[in-house]
Amino acid sequence: MELVLRGVNATGRIPESFGHLTSLSTLDLFSCNLLGSIPKPLLNLTNIEVLDLAYNHLKGPISDLFRFGKLRWLSLRNNNFGG
């Protein structure tokens, strides 16, 4: 299952409810004007293979993202991540 919201001007934070979509294989939030940190419930997406969060205003640590065992594409460019 895929959720592609590429270029949607969502303005705000990534909804924690996305963490309930555990069958997602693709989450594409490229250039959605999102801000804040990646919500902890997003770590429930254990089937995620493609995660694109590039060109937003996200910040905070990214070390938890590397626990996704099926991840084959990760794009975080043009944000303010650390760690």
C-alpha atoms as a PDB file:
ATOM      1  CA  MET A   1       0.000   0.000   0.000  1.00  0.00           C
ATOM      2  CA  GLU A   2       1.257   3.477  -0.850  1.00  0.00           C
ATOM      3  CA  LEU A   3       0.510   6.937   0.477  1.00  0.00           C
ATOM      4  CA  VAL A   4       1.815   9.607  -1.883  1.00  0.00           C
ATOM      5  CA  LEU A   5       1.142  13.237  -0.947  1.00  0.00           C
ATOM      6  CA  ARG A   6       4.031  14.683  -2.943  1.00  0.00           C
ATOM      7  CA  GLY A   7       3.805  18.460  -3.245  1.00  0.00           C
ATOM      8  CA  VAL A   8       0.640  18.832  -1.180  1.00  0.00           C
ATOM      9  CA  ASN A   9       0.897  22.016   0.886  1.00  0.00           C
ATOM     10  CA  ALA A  10       0.008  20.332   4.167  1.00  0.00           C
ATOM     11  CA  THR A  11       1.705  22.919   6.411  1.00  0.00           C
ATOM     12  CA  GLY A  12       2.126  21.527   9.894  1.00  0.00           C
ATOM     13  CA  ARG A  13       3.398  18.348  11.465  1.00  0.00           C
ATOM     14  CA  ILE A  14       3.344  14.785  10.185  1.00  0.00           C
ATOM     15  CA  PRO A  15       0.154  13.303  11.671  1.00  0.00           C
ATOM     16  CA  GLU A  16       0.836  10.707  14.356  1.00  0.00           C
ATOM     17  CA  SER A  17      -2.092   8.726  12.948  1.00  0.00           C
ATOM     18  CA  PHE A  18       0.107   7.767   9.964  1.00  0.00           C
ATOM     19  CA  GLY A  19       1.718   5.327  12.408  1.00  0.00           C
ATOM     20  CA  HIS A  20      -1.472   3.236  12.297  1.00  0.00           C
ATOM     21  CA  LEU A  21      -0.995   2.548   8.577  1.00  0.00           C
ATOM     22  CA  THR A  22       1.249  -0.422   9.305  1.00  0.00           C
ATOM     23  CA  SER A  23       0.805  -2.055   5.901  1.00  0.00           C
ATOM     24  CA  LEU A  24       2.318   0.940   4.077  1.00  0.00           C
ATOM     25  CA  SER A  25       5.255   0.110   1.854  1.00  0.00           C
ATOM     26  CA  THR A  26       5.639   3.692   0.532  1.00  0.00           C
ATOM     27  CA  LEU A  27       5.200   6.992   2.319  1.00  0.00           C
ATOM     28  CA  ASP A  28       5.994   9.966   0.083  1.00  0.00           C
ATOM     29  CA  LEU A  29       5.717  13.366   1.755  1.00  0.00           C
ATOM     30  CA  PHE A  30       8.175  15.151  -0.546  1.00  0.00           C
ATOM     31  CA  SER A  31       7.852  18.954  -0.473  1.00  0.00           C
ATOM     32  CA  CYS A  32       4.708  19.165   1.673  1.00  0.00           C
ATOM     33  CA  ASN A  33       5.845  22.132   3.780  1.00  0.00           C
ATOM     34  CA  LEU A  34       5.902  19.939   6.908  1.00  0.00           C
ATOM     35  CA  LEU A  35       7.693  21.009  10.087  1.00  0.00           C
ATOM     36  CA  GLY A  36       8.701  19.614  13.448  1.00  0.00           C
ATOM     37  CA  SER A  37      10.134  16.201  14.195  1.00  0.00           C
ATOM     38  CA  ILE A  38       9.228  12.747  12.950  1.00  0.00           C
ATOM     39  CA  PRO A  39       6.509  11.446  15.306  1.00  0.00           C
ATOM     40  CA  LYS A  40       7.376   8.288  17.269  1.00  0.00           C
ATOM     41  CA  PRO A  41       4.281   6.373  15.997  1.00  0.00           C
ATOM     42  CA  LEU A  42       5.803   6.495  12.501  1.00  0.00           C
ATOM     43  CA  LEU A  43       8.294   3.903  13.762  1.00  0.00           C
ATOM     44  CA  ASN A  44       5.397   1.400  13.674  1.00  0.00           C
ATOM     45  CA  LEU A  45       5.666   1.316   9.873  1.00  0.00           C
ATOM     46  CA  THR A  46       7.678  -1.895   9.878  1.00  0.00           C
ATOM     47  CA  ASN A  47       6.786  -2.717   6.242  1.00  0.00           C
ATOM     48  CA  ILE A  48       8.018   0.593   4.869  1.00  0.00           C
ATOM     49  CA  GLU A  49      10.314   0.248   1.855  1.00  0.00           C
ATOM     50  CA  VAL A  50      10.253   3.802   0.481  1.00  0.00           C
ATOM     51  CA  LEU A  51      10.254   6.860   2.745  1.00  0.00           C
ATOM     52  CA  ASP A  52      10.616  10.281   1.138  1.00  0.00           C
ATOM     53  CA  LEU A  53      10.534  13.257   3.495  1.00  0.00           C
ATOM     54  CA  ALA A  54      12.771  15.539   1.421  1.00  0.00           C
ATOM     55  CA  TYR A  55      12.229  19.275   0.995  1.00  0.00           C
ATOM     56  CA  ASN A  56      10.293  19.974   4.157  1.00  0.00           C
ATOM     57  CA  HIS A  57      11.210  21.801   7.373  1.00  0.00           C
ATOM     58  CA  LEU A  58      11.703  18.736   9.557  1.00  0.00           C
ATOM     59  CA  LYS A  59      14.241  18.571  12.388  1.00  0.00           C
ATOM     60  CA  GLY A  60      15.469  16.314  15.139  1.00  0.00           C
ATOM     61  CA  PRO A  61      17.343  13.012  15.241  1.00  0.00           C
ATOM     62  CA  ILE A  62      17.028  10.438  12.468  1.00  0.00           C
ATOM     63  CA  SER A  63      18.815   7.507  14.112  1.00  0.00           C
ATOM     64  CA  ASP A  64      15.545   5.646  14.824  1.00  0.00           C
ATOM     65  CA  LEU A  65      14.751   5.461  11.099  1.00  0.00           C
ATOM     66  CA  PHE A  66      17.537   2.961  10.563  1.00  0.00           C
ATOM     67  CA  ARG A  67      15.592   0.249  12.389  1.00  0.00           C
ATOM     68  CA  PHE A  68      13.325  -0.174   9.356  1.00  0.00           C
ATOM     69  CA  GLY A  69      14.502  -3.581   8.122  1.00  0.00           C
ATOM     70  CA  LYS A  70      12.776  -3.416   4.724  1.00  0.00           C
ATOM     71  CA  LEU A  71      13.777   0.143   3.866  1.00  0.00           C
ATOM     72  CA  ARG A  72      15.392   0.377   0.431  1.00  0.00           C
ATOM     73  CA  TRP A  73      14.907   4.107  -0.334  1.00  0.00           C
ATOM     74  CA  LEU A  74      15.223   6.948   2.162  1.00  0.00           C
ATOM     75  CA  SER A  75      15.323  10.593   1.152  1.00  0.00           C
ATOM     76  CA  LEU A  76      15.713  13.272   3.825  1.00  0.00           C
ATOM     77  CA  ARG A  77      17.520  16.025   1.907  1.00  0.00           C
ATOM     78  CA  ASN A  78      16.784  19.694   2.452  1.00  0.00           C
ATOM     79  CA  ASN A  79      15.574  19.404   6.039  1.00  0.00           C
ATOM     80  CA  ASN A  80      17.225  20.249   9.356  1.00  0.00           C
ATOM     81  CA  PHE A  81      17.855  16.779  10.767  1.00  0.00           C
ATOM     82  CA  GLY A  82      20.676  15.910  13.138  1.00  0.00           C
ATOM     83  CA  GLY A  83      22.093  12.811  14.780  1.00  0.00           C
END
